[in-house]
Amino acid sequence: MKLSFYYVDQGYIEYLKEKEIEYRGFTTVPNLNYANKTKFVYGVVMQIDELNYFVPVTSYNKSKEDNIVIKVTEHKIIKSVGSLRFNYMIPVPVACLTSVNFKDMSFPEEYKTLLDKEYRYLKKSIGIGNIQKQAKKTYQKVLEGTDLQLLKNSCAFQLLEMACREYTEKYLCK
């Protein structure tokens, strides 16, 4: 699977949200559909057993311990335009992913340019090794549960892994 931006099937996202609400009473699974656009996830940032984890690309652009800020150059000025939020990463079956086509005619030209700059920044300036290292670090910190603020503001990773397997069995393996 190539390193890229992906859309996640909305039905799958809703399934994860329901499972997390059922267990925790609330969900931190990110909203990927908004009134005016669909957000996407980045790469395969980590693999746990046979499950691939993807991290959402968000407009949140402040540096924190469990995210990587995405920077682009515009008119010789470096700007923070978003981030990878590792506390919101989710396991996703490949069948629930659609690769984002940067050349898609439905995107305005400036948005295509921004996507391309974000992708290049992550690939060249940050590197997949650093991204995967951050993913594993955040995952481990959440599992340890010692940082209560992080725990409260993170997806329930192990629960979502079970939900991912359940979804695959129920809906994809027929």
C-alpha atoms as a PDB file:
ATOM      1  CA  MET A   1       0.000   0.000   0.000  1.00  0.00           C
ATOM      2  CA  LYS A   2       1.472   3.340  -1.019  1.00  0.00           C
ATOM      3  CA  LEU A   3       1.952   6.213   1.368  1.00  0.00           C
ATOM      4  CA  SER A   4      -0.750   8.726   0.519  1.00  0.00           C
ATOM      5  CA  PHE A   5      -3.830  10.555   1.760  1.00  0.00           C
ATOM      6  CA  TYR A   6      -7.005   8.452   1.982  1.00  0.00           C
ATOM      7  CA  TYR A   7     -10.706   8.970   2.500  1.00  0.00           C
ATOM      8  CA  VAL A   8     -12.303   6.546   4.970  1.00  0.00           C
ATOM      9  CA  ASP A   9     -15.735   5.029   4.369  1.00  0.00           C
ATOM     10  CA  GLN A  10     -18.244   7.037   6.421  1.00  0.00           C
ATOM     11  CA  GLY A  11     -20.218   3.925   7.431  1.00  0.00           C
ATOM     12  CA  TYR A  12     -17.057   2.469   8.970  1.00  0.00           C
ATOM     13  CA  ILE A  13     -16.370   5.722  10.881  1.00  0.00           C
ATOM     14  CA  GLU A  14     -19.941   5.688  12.246  1.00  0.00           C
ATOM     15  CA  TYR A  15     -19.461   2.055  13.330  1.00  0.00           C
ATOM     16  CA  LEU A  16     -16.297   2.968  15.272  1.00  0.00           C
ATOM     17  CA  LYS A  17     -18.023   5.950  16.871  1.00  0.00           C
ATOM     18  CA  GLU A  18     -20.960   3.809  18.002  1.00  0.00           C
ATOM     19  CA  LYS A  19     -18.628   1.217  19.536  1.00  0.00           C
ATOM     20  CA  GLU A  20     -16.608   3.833  21.384  1.00  0.00           C
ATOM     21  CA  ILE A  21     -19.743   5.597  22.682  1.00  0.00           C
ATOM     22  CA  GLU A  22     -21.147   2.241  23.800  1.00  0.00           C
ATOM     23  CA  TYR A  23     -17.968   1.549  25.794  1.00  0.00           C
ATOM     24  CA  ARG A  24     -16.894   5.017  27.003  1.00  0.00           C
ATOM     25  CA  GLY A  25     -20.071   7.094  26.841  1.00  0.00           C
ATOM     26  CA  PHE A  26     -18.371   9.454  24.370  1.00  0.00           C
ATOM     27  CA  THR A  27     -16.208   9.187  21.271  1.00  0.00           C
ATOM     28  CA  THR A  28     -12.968  10.710  20.089  1.00  0.00           C
ATOM     29  CA  VAL A  29     -13.116   9.024  16.684  1.00  0.00           C
ATOM     30  CA  PRO A  30     -12.681  12.037  14.405  1.00  0.00           C
ATOM     31  CA  ASN A  31     -15.471  13.477  12.286  1.00  0.00           C
ATOM     32  CA  LEU A  32     -14.287  13.128   8.722  1.00  0.00           C
ATOM     33  CA  ASN A  33     -17.341  14.584   6.994  1.00  0.00           C
ATOM     34  CA  TYR A  34     -18.252  18.220   7.346  1.00  0.00           C
ATOM     35  CA  ALA A  35     -20.830  20.327   5.522  1.00  0.00           C
ATOM     36  CA  ASN A  36     -18.378  21.705   2.998  1.00  0.00           C
ATOM     37  CA  LYS A  37     -15.670  19.019   2.696  1.00  0.00           C
ATOM     38  CA  THR A  38     -14.459  15.575   3.612  1.00  0.00           C
ATOM     39  CA  LYS A  39     -11.313  15.248   5.715  1.00  0.00           C
ATOM     40  CA  PHE A  40      -8.841  12.490   5.073  1.00  0.00           C
ATOM     41  CA  VAL A  41      -6.267  10.324   6.807  1.00  0.00           C
ATOM     42  CA  TYR A  42      -2.579   9.846   6.088  1.00  0.00           C
ATOM     43  CA  GLY A  43      -0.584   6.776   5.210  1.00  0.00           C
ATOM     44  CA  VAL A  44      -0.124   3.573   7.066  1.00  0.00           C
ATOM     45  CA  VAL A  45       1.538   5.057  10.107  1.00  0.00           C
ATOM     46  CA  MET A  46       1.619   1.937  12.179  1.00  0.00           C
ATOM     47  CA  GLN A  47       0.691  -1.715  12.084  1.00  0.00           C
ATOM     48  CA  ILE A  48      -0.612  -3.633  15.096  1.00  0.00           C
ATOM     49  CA  ASP A  49      -0.841  -7.323  14.311  1.00  0.00           C
ATOM     50  CA  GLU A  50      -2.573  -7.301  10.915  1.00  0.00           C
ATOM     51  CA  LEU A  51      -4.312  -3.918  11.367  1.00  0.00           C
ATOM     52  CA  ASN A  52      -3.162  -0.746   9.639  1.00  0.00           C
ATOM     53  CA  TYR A  53      -3.461   2.530  11.546  1.00  0.00           C
ATOM     54  CA  PHE A  54      -4.097   5.812   9.756  1.00  0.00           C
ATOM     55  CA  VAL A  55      -3.779   9.261  11.285  1.00  0.00           C
ATOM     56  CA  PRO A  56      -6.173  12.120  10.484  1.00  0.00           C
ATOM     57  CA  VAL A  57      -4.907  15.260   8.805  1.00  0.00           C
ATOM     58  CA  THR A  58      -6.467  18.205  10.641  1.00  0.00           C
ATOM     59  CA  SER A  59      -6.418  21.979  10.436  1.00  0.00           C
ATOM     60  CA  TYR A  60      -5.146  22.113  14.058  1.00  0.00           C
ATOM     61  CA  ASN A  61      -1.752  23.763  13.637  1.00  0.00           C
ATOM     62  CA  LYS A  62      -0.276  24.102  17.109  1.00  0.00           C
ATOM     63  CA  SER A  63       2.645  21.948  18.134  1.00  0.00           C
ATOM     64  CA  LYS A  64       1.924  19.415  20.862  1.00  0.00           C
ATOM     65  CA  GLU A  65       3.719  16.316  22.031  1.00  0.00           C
ATOM     66  CA  ASP A  66       1.362  13.920  20.237  1.00  0.00           C
ATOM     67  CA  ASN A  67       1.048  15.591  16.864  1.00  0.00           C
ATOM     68  CA  ILE A  68       3.240  16.638  13.965  1.00  0.00           C
ATOM     69  CA  VAL A  69       2.621  20.095  12.542  1.00  0.00           C
ATOM     70  CA  ILE A  70       2.463  20.303   8.754  1.00  0.00           C
ATOM     71  CA  LYS A  71       4.255  23.331   7.308  1.00  0.00           C
ATOM     72  CA  VAL A  72       4.217  24.714   3.787  1.00  0.00           C
ATOM     73  CA  THR A  73       6.014  27.573   2.112  1.00  0.00           C
ATOM     74  CA  GLU A  74       3.885  30.300   0.571  1.00  0.00           C
ATOM     75  CA  HIS A  75       5.583  33.337  -0.966  1.00  0.00           C
ATOM     76  CA  LYS A  76       8.831  32.451   0.857  1.00  0.00           C
ATOM     77  CA  ILE A  77       7.017  32.359   4.219  1.00  0.00           C
ATOM     78  CA  ILE A  78       6.747  29.077   6.145  1.00  0.00           C
ATOM     79  CA  LYS A  79       3.254  28.572   7.534  1.00  0.00           C
ATOM     80  CA  SER A  80       1.766  25.905   9.790  1.00  0.00           C
ATOM     81  CA  VAL A  81      -1.344  24.691   7.956  1.00  0.00           C
ATOM     82  CA  GLY A  82      -2.406  21.619   9.903  1.00  0.00           C
ATOM     83  CA  SER A  83      -1.166  18.551  11.691  1.00  0.00           C
ATOM     84  CA  LEU A  84      -1.195  14.813  12.049  1.00  0.00           C
ATOM     85  CA  ARG A  85      -3.062  14.097  15.310  1.00  0.00           C
ATOM     86  CA  PHE A  86      -1.795  10.747  16.570  1.00  0.00           C
ATOM     87  CA  ASN A  87      -4.151  10.558  19.542  1.00  0.00           C
ATOM     88  CA  TYR A  88      -6.991  10.324  16.973  1.00  0.00           C
ATOM     89  CA  MET A  89      -5.452   7.675  14.713  1.00  0.00           C
ATOM     90  CA  ILE A  90      -7.681   4.716  13.891  1.00  0.00           C
ATOM     91  CA  PRO A  91      -7.302   1.195  12.528  1.00  0.00           C
ATOM     92  CA  VAL A  92      -8.903   0.933   9.078  1.00  0.00           C
ATOM     93  CA  PRO A  93      -9.451  -2.093   6.815  1.00  0.00           C
ATOM     94  CA  VAL A  94      -7.996  -1.479   3.341  1.00  0.00           C
ATOM     95  CA  ALA A  95     -11.460  -2.129   1.853  1.00  0.00           C
ATOM     96  CA  CYS A  96     -12.730   1.005   3.647  1.00  0.00           C
ATOM     97  CA  LEU A  97     -10.148   3.331   2.079  1.00  0.00           C
ATOM     98  CA  THR A  98     -10.137   5.388  -1.107  1.00  0.00           C
ATOM     99  CA  SER A  99      -6.932   7.090  -2.191  1.00  0.00           C
ATOM    100  CA  VAL A 100      -7.172  10.885  -2.552  1.00  0.00           C
ATOM    101  CA  ASN A 101      -6.412  11.837  -6.144  1.00  0.00           C
ATOM    102  CA  PHE A 102      -4.525  15.156  -6.092  1.00  0.00           C
ATOM    103  CA  LYS A 103      -5.411  15.703  -9.739  1.00  0.00           C
ATOM    104  CA  ASP A 104      -9.156  15.355  -9.093  1.00  0.00           C
ATOM    105  CA  MET A 105     -10.937  18.001 -11.122  1.00  0.00           C
ATOM    106  CA  SER A 106     -13.465  18.689  -8.347  1.00  0.00           C
ATOM    107  CA  PHE A 107     -10.753  20.234  -6.143  1.00  0.00           C
ATOM    108  CA  PRO A 108     -10.040  23.946  -6.623  1.00  0.00           C
ATOM    109  CA  GLU A 109      -6.531  24.508  -7.981  1.00  0.00           C
ATOM    110  CA  GLU A 110      -5.255  26.143  -4.759  1.00  0.00           C
ATOM    111  CA  TYR A 111      -6.490  23.143  -2.739  1.00  0.00           C
ATOM    112  CA  LYS A 112      -4.673  20.719  -5.063  1.00  0.00           C
ATOM    113  CA  THR A 113      -1.520  22.766  -4.563  1.00  0.00           C
ATOM    114  CA  LEU A 114      -1.949  22.752  -0.774  1.00  0.00           C
ATOM    115  CA  LEU A 115      -2.503  18.975  -0.690  1.00  0.00           C
ATOM    116  CA  ASP A 116       0.592  18.416  -2.776  1.00  0.00           C
ATOM    117  CA  LYS A 117       2.679  20.687  -0.505  1.00  0.00           C
ATOM    118  CA  GLU A 118       1.403  18.943   2.640  1.00  0.00           C
ATOM    119  CA  TYR A 119       2.148  15.518   1.174  1.00  0.00           C
ATOM    120  CA  ARG A 120       5.655  16.535   0.074  1.00  0.00           C
ATOM    121  CA  TYR A 121       6.400  18.088   3.462  1.00  0.00           C
ATOM    122  CA  LEU A 122       5.379  14.951   5.327  1.00  0.00           C
ATOM    123  CA  LYS A 123       7.222  12.648   2.965  1.00  0.00           C
ATOM    124  CA  LYS A 124      10.460  14.626   2.597  1.00  0.00           C
ATOM    125  CA  SER A 125      10.823  16.881   5.637  1.00  0.00           C
ATOM    126  CA  ILE A 126       9.357  14.634   8.325  1.00  0.00           C
ATOM    127  CA  GLY A 127       9.793  11.179   6.779  1.00  0.00           C
ATOM    128  CA  ILE A 128       7.797   8.010   7.277  1.00  0.00           C
ATOM    129  CA  GLY A 129      10.233   6.741   9.917  1.00  0.00           C
ATOM    130  CA  ASN A 130       9.621   9.752  12.173  1.00  0.00           C
ATOM    131  CA  ILE A 131       5.878   9.569  11.576  1.00  0.00           C
ATOM    132  CA  GLN A 132       5.779   5.887  12.499  1.00  0.00           C
ATOM    133  CA  LYS A 133       7.962   6.523  15.557  1.00  0.00           C
ATOM    134  CA  GLN A 134       5.515   9.208  16.772  1.00  0.00           C
ATOM    135  CA  ALA A 135       2.536   6.909  16.114  1.00  0.00           C
ATOM    136  CA  LYS A 136       4.045   4.091  18.186  1.00  0.00           C
ATOM    137  CA  LYS A 137       5.053   6.481  20.974  1.00  0.00           C
ATOM    138  CA  THR A 138       1.534   7.938  21.261  1.00  0.00           C
ATOM    139  CA  TYR A 139      -0.072   4.495  21.015  1.00  0.00           C
ATOM    140  CA  GLN A 140       2.113   3.197  23.847  1.00  0.00           C
ATOM    141  CA  LYS A 141       1.444   6.233  26.057  1.00  0.00           C
ATOM    142  CA  VAL A 142      -2.316   5.793  25.611  1.00  0.00           C
ATOM    143  CA  LEU A 143      -2.101   2.080  26.439  1.00  0.00           C
ATOM    144  CA  GLU A 144      -0.043   2.807  29.564  1.00  0.00           C
ATOM    145  CA  GLY A 145      -2.751   5.248  30.685  1.00  0.00           C
ATOM    146  CA  THR A 146      -0.467   7.350  32.885  1.00  0.00           C
ATOM    147  CA  ASP A 147      -1.246  10.655  31.140  1.00  0.00           C
ATOM    148  CA  LEU A 148      -4.932  11.092  32.040  1.00  0.00           C
ATOM    149  CA  GLN A 149      -5.424  14.154  29.819  1.00  0.00           C
ATOM    150  CA  LEU A 150      -4.008  12.299  26.812  1.00  0.00           C
ATOM    151  CA  LEU A 151      -6.090   9.231  27.650  1.00  0.00           C
ATOM    152  CA  LYS A 152      -9.284  11.290  27.798  1.00  0.00           C
ATOM    153  CA  ASN A 153      -8.472  13.031  24.499  1.00  0.00           C
ATOM    154  CA  SER A 154      -7.460   9.910  22.563  1.00  0.00           C
ATOM    155  CA  CYS A 155      -9.245   7.141  20.770  1.00  0.00           C
ATOM    156  CA  ALA A 156      -9.603   3.905  22.730  1.00  0.00           C
ATOM    157  CA  PHE A 157      -7.114   2.089  20.501  1.00  0.00           C
ATOM    158  CA  GLN A 158      -7.603  -1.474  21.727  1.00  0.00           C
ATOM    159  CA  LEU A 159     -11.378  -1.105  21.630  1.00  0.00           C
ATOM    160  CA  LEU A 160     -11.176   0.216  18.061  1.00  0.00           C
ATOM    161  CA  GLU A 161      -8.955  -2.706  17.078  1.00  0.00           C
ATOM    162  CA  MET A 162     -11.664  -5.110  18.278  1.00  0.00           C
ATOM    163  CA  ALA A 163     -14.321  -3.045  16.469  1.00  0.00           C
ATOM    164  CA  CYS A 164     -12.225  -3.083  13.280  1.00  0.00           C
ATOM    165  CA  ARG A 165     -11.942  -6.879  13.374  1.00  0.00           C
ATOM    166  CA  GLU A 166     -15.652  -7.170  14.151  1.00  0.00           C
ATOM    167  CA  TYR A 167     -16.563  -4.852  11.250  1.00  0.00           C
ATOM    168  CA  THR A 168     -14.347  -6.830   8.885  1.00  0.00           C
ATOM    169  CA  GLU A 169     -15.997 -10.112   9.923  1.00  0.00           C
ATOM    170  CA  LYS A 170     -19.510  -8.698   9.820  1.00  0.00           C
ATOM    171  CA  TYR A 171     -19.435  -6.582   6.683  1.00  0.00           C
ATOM    172  CA  LEU A 172     -16.354  -7.326   4.593  1.00  0.00           C
ATOM    173  CA  CYS A 173     -15.860 -11.097   4.840  1.00  0.00           C
ATOM    174  CA  LYS A 174     -19.119 -12.317   3.370  1.00  0.00           C
END
